[in-house]
Amino acid sequence: MESKKQPVPETTITRDISGLLQETGNIYQTVMIIAQRANQIAMEVKKELNSKLEEFSTFADTLEETFENREQIEISRYYERQPKPTLIAIKEFEEGETYYRMGEETEE
């Protein structure tokens, strides 16, 4: 989940809210779009990690039979060092890479 253009910051940075509002005009809609995209990214990363770790899974009956695998630890550490999904989603939104559509409002 690396950004192709510029690296995603690994820590939280201060952002200009007016810049985020330009696209939607509503901070709550912007936050929801970013949150939903962050959830999608997190699910993709989780699937990817689980598929890689699945190679190391053994069907052990007891906890004592579980052992640490060096490759498994390295894979886990690699994913721990990746930027958080929220930071990736914000970066995508700022660069206009996020596709979204608004549902139709009904009048009651």
C-alpha atoms as a PDB file:
ATOM      1  CA  MET A   1       0.000   0.000   0.000  1.00  0.00           C
ATOM      2  CA  GLU A   2       2.727   2.431  -0.864  1.00  0.00           C
ATOM      3  CA  SER A   3       1.855   5.779  -2.413  1.00  0.00           C
ATOM      4  CA  LYS A   4       3.351   5.977  -5.900  1.00  0.00           C
ATOM      5  CA  LYS A   5       3.863   9.744  -6.063  1.00  0.00           C
ATOM      6  CA  GLN A   6       5.171  10.918  -2.720  1.00  0.00           C
ATOM      7  CA  PRO A   7       5.781   8.934   0.413  1.00  0.00           C
ATOM      8  CA  VAL A   8       3.033   9.016   2.992  1.00  0.00           C
ATOM      9  CA  PRO A   9       4.133  10.554   6.304  1.00  0.00           C
ATOM     10  CA  GLU A  10       4.474   7.986   9.057  1.00  0.00           C
ATOM     11  CA  THR A  11       3.236  10.335  11.751  1.00  0.00           C
ATOM     12  CA  THR A  12       0.274  12.633  12.046  1.00  0.00           C
ATOM     13  CA  ILE A  13       0.794  16.116  10.676  1.00  0.00           C
ATOM     14  CA  THR A  14      -1.245  19.295  11.020  1.00  0.00           C
ATOM     15  CA  ARG A  15      -3.526  19.843   8.037  1.00  0.00           C
ATOM     16  CA  ASP A  16      -5.430  22.842   6.751  1.00  0.00           C
ATOM     17  CA  ILE A  17      -9.127  22.044   7.118  1.00  0.00           C
ATOM     18  CA  SER A  18     -10.113  24.518   4.408  1.00  0.00           C
ATOM     19  CA  GLY A  19      -8.061  22.464   1.942  1.00  0.00           C
ATOM     20  CA  LEU A  20      -9.989  19.339   2.843  1.00  0.00           C
ATOM     21  CA  LEU A  21     -13.317  21.184   2.544  1.00  0.00           C
ATOM     22  CA  GLN A  22     -12.773  22.324  -1.037  1.00  0.00           C
ATOM     23  CA  GLU A  23     -13.872  19.000  -2.515  1.00  0.00           C
ATOM     24  CA  THR A  24     -17.130  18.445  -0.599  1.00  0.00           C
ATOM     25  CA  GLY A  25     -17.905  21.722   1.147  1.00  0.00           C
ATOM     26  CA  ASN A  26     -18.751  19.830   4.343  1.00  0.00           C
ATOM     27  CA  ILE A  27     -16.195  18.665   6.918  1.00  0.00           C
ATOM     28  CA  TYR A  28     -18.404  15.791   8.086  1.00  0.00           C
ATOM     29  CA  GLN A  29     -18.770  14.396   4.576  1.00  0.00           C
ATOM     30  CA  THR A  30     -15.020  14.722   4.067  1.00  0.00           C
ATOM     31  CA  VAL A  31     -14.293  12.882   7.304  1.00  0.00           C
ATOM     32  CA  MET A  32     -16.728  10.095   6.402  1.00  0.00           C
ATOM     33  CA  ILE A  33     -15.205   9.680   2.941  1.00  0.00           C
ATOM     34  CA  ILE A  34     -11.705   9.480   4.410  1.00  0.00           C
ATOM     35  CA  ALA A  35     -12.844   7.109   7.180  1.00  0.00           C
ATOM     36  CA  GLN A  36     -14.537   4.742   4.734  1.00  0.00           C
ATOM     37  CA  ARG A  37     -11.471   4.724   2.485  1.00  0.00           C
ATOM     38  CA  ALA A  38      -9.233   4.075   5.510  1.00  0.00           C
ATOM     39  CA  ASN A  39     -11.424   1.073   6.404  1.00  0.00           C
ATOM     40  CA  GLN A  40     -11.072  -0.254   2.850  1.00  0.00           C
ATOM     41  CA  ILE A  41      -7.293   0.124   2.980  1.00  0.00           C
ATOM     42  CA  ALA A  42      -7.127  -1.554   6.391  1.00  0.00           C
ATOM     43  CA  MET A  43      -9.151  -4.521   5.108  1.00  0.00           C
ATOM     44  CA  GLU A  44      -6.875  -4.870   2.054  1.00  0.00           C
ATOM     45  CA  VAL A  45      -3.755  -4.801   4.215  1.00  0.00           C
ATOM     46  CA  LYS A  46      -5.271  -7.288   6.667  1.00  0.00           C
ATOM     47  CA  LYS A  47      -6.145  -9.712   3.849  1.00  0.00           C
ATOM     48  CA  GLU A  48      -2.648  -9.375   2.420  1.00  0.00           C
ATOM     49  CA  LEU A  49      -1.006  -9.947   5.809  1.00  0.00           C
ATOM     50  CA  ASN A  50      -3.244 -12.918   6.634  1.00  0.00           C
ATOM     51  CA  SER A  51      -2.502 -14.565   3.288  1.00  0.00           C
ATOM     52  CA  LYS A  52       1.248 -14.203   3.894  1.00  0.00           C
ATOM     53  CA  LEU A  53       1.013 -15.480   7.465  1.00  0.00           C
ATOM     54  CA  GLU A  54      -1.220 -18.362   6.424  1.00  0.00           C
ATOM     55  CA  GLU A  55       1.841 -20.098   4.978  1.00  0.00           C
ATOM     56  CA  PHE A  56       3.244 -20.414   8.485  1.00  0.00           C
ATOM     57  CA  SER A  57       0.101 -21.617  10.207  1.00  0.00           C
ATOM     58  CA  THR A  58       0.159 -25.055  11.718  1.00  0.00           C
ATOM     59  CA  PHE A  59      -2.670 -26.882  13.314  1.00  0.00           C
ATOM     60  CA  ALA A  60      -1.363 -27.229  16.855  1.00  0.00           C
ATOM     61  CA  ASP A  61      -3.489 -28.714  19.590  1.00  0.00           C
ATOM     62  CA  THR A  62      -1.791 -26.957  22.458  1.00  0.00           C
ATOM     63  CA  LEU A  63      -0.188 -23.617  23.054  1.00  0.00           C
ATOM     64  CA  GLU A  64       3.117 -25.290  23.940  1.00  0.00           C
ATOM     65  CA  GLU A  65       3.485 -26.601  20.401  1.00  0.00           C
ATOM     66  CA  THR A  66       3.414 -23.072  18.968  1.00  0.00           C
ATOM     67  CA  PHE A  67       6.832 -21.783  18.030  1.00  0.00           C
ATOM     68  CA  GLU A  68       8.153 -18.518  16.677  1.00  0.00           C
ATOM     69  CA  ASN A  69       9.179 -18.360  13.067  1.00  0.00           C
ATOM     70  CA  ARG A  70      11.753 -15.720  12.130  1.00  0.00           C
ATOM     71  CA  GLU A  71      10.228 -15.069   8.689  1.00  0.00           C
ATOM     72  CA  GLN A  72       6.792 -14.648  10.248  1.00  0.00           C
ATOM     73  CA  ILE A  73       8.168 -12.086  12.692  1.00  0.00           C
ATOM     74  CA  GLU A  74       9.855 -10.152   9.862  1.00  0.00           C
ATOM     75  CA  ILE A  75       6.622 -10.051   7.853  1.00  0.00           C
ATOM     76  CA  SER A  76       4.725  -8.779  10.888  1.00  0.00           C
ATOM     77  CA  ARG A  77       7.338  -6.105  11.577  1.00  0.00           C
ATOM     78  CA  TYR A  78       7.217  -4.962   7.952  1.00  0.00           C
ATOM     79  CA  TYR A  79       3.464  -4.349   8.214  1.00  0.00           C
ATOM     80  CA  GLU A  80       3.848  -2.620  11.580  1.00  0.00           C
ATOM     81  CA  ARG A  81       6.226  -0.092   9.982  1.00  0.00           C
ATOM     82  CA  GLN A  82       3.802   0.779   7.182  1.00  0.00           C
ATOM     83  CA  PRO A  83       1.885   4.079   7.370  1.00  0.00           C
ATOM     84  CA  LYS A  84      -1.497   3.880   9.045  1.00  0.00           C
ATOM     85  CA  PRO A  85      -4.523   3.467   6.733  1.00  0.00           C
ATOM     86  CA  THR A  86      -5.927   6.838   7.814  1.00  0.00           C
ATOM     87  CA  LEU A  87      -2.774   8.640   6.698  1.00  0.00           C
ATOM     88  CA  ILE A  88      -2.886   6.872   3.330  1.00  0.00           C
ATOM     89  CA  ALA A  89      -6.584   7.729   2.901  1.00  0.00           C
ATOM     90  CA  ILE A  90      -5.989  11.407   3.688  1.00  0.00           C
ATOM     91  CA  LYS A  91      -3.119  11.527   1.204  1.00  0.00           C
ATOM     92  CA  GLU A  92      -5.278   9.923  -1.498  1.00  0.00           C
ATOM     93  CA  PHE A  93      -8.125  12.362  -0.787  1.00  0.00           C
ATOM     94  CA  GLU A  94      -5.814  15.379  -0.957  1.00  0.00           C
ATOM     95  CA  GLU A  95      -4.397  14.217  -4.285  1.00  0.00           C
ATOM     96  CA  GLY A  96      -7.854  13.571  -5.751  1.00  0.00           C
ATOM     97  CA  GLU A  97      -7.335   9.813  -6.041  1.00  0.00           C
ATOM     98  CA  THR A  98     -10.411   8.920  -3.985  1.00  0.00           C
ATOM     99  CA  TYR A  99     -13.595   8.145  -5.893  1.00  0.00           C
ATOM    100  CA  TYR A 100     -16.842   8.742  -4.055  1.00  0.00           C
ATOM    101  CA  ARG A 101     -20.421   9.611  -4.842  1.00  0.00           C
ATOM    102  CA  MET A 102     -23.094  11.186  -2.728  1.00  0.00           C
ATOM    103  CA  GLY A 103     -26.408   9.431  -2.252  1.00  0.00           C
ATOM    104  CA  GLU A 104     -29.547  11.245  -3.300  1.00  0.00           C
ATOM    105  CA  GLU A 105     -31.226  13.220  -0.544  1.00  0.00           C
ATOM    106  CA  THR A 106     -34.910  12.574  -0.041  1.00  0.00           C
ATOM    107  CA  GLU A 107     -37.264  15.229   1.225  1.00  0.00           C
ATOM    108  CA  GLU A 108     -39.772  14.228   3.893  1.00  0.00           C
END
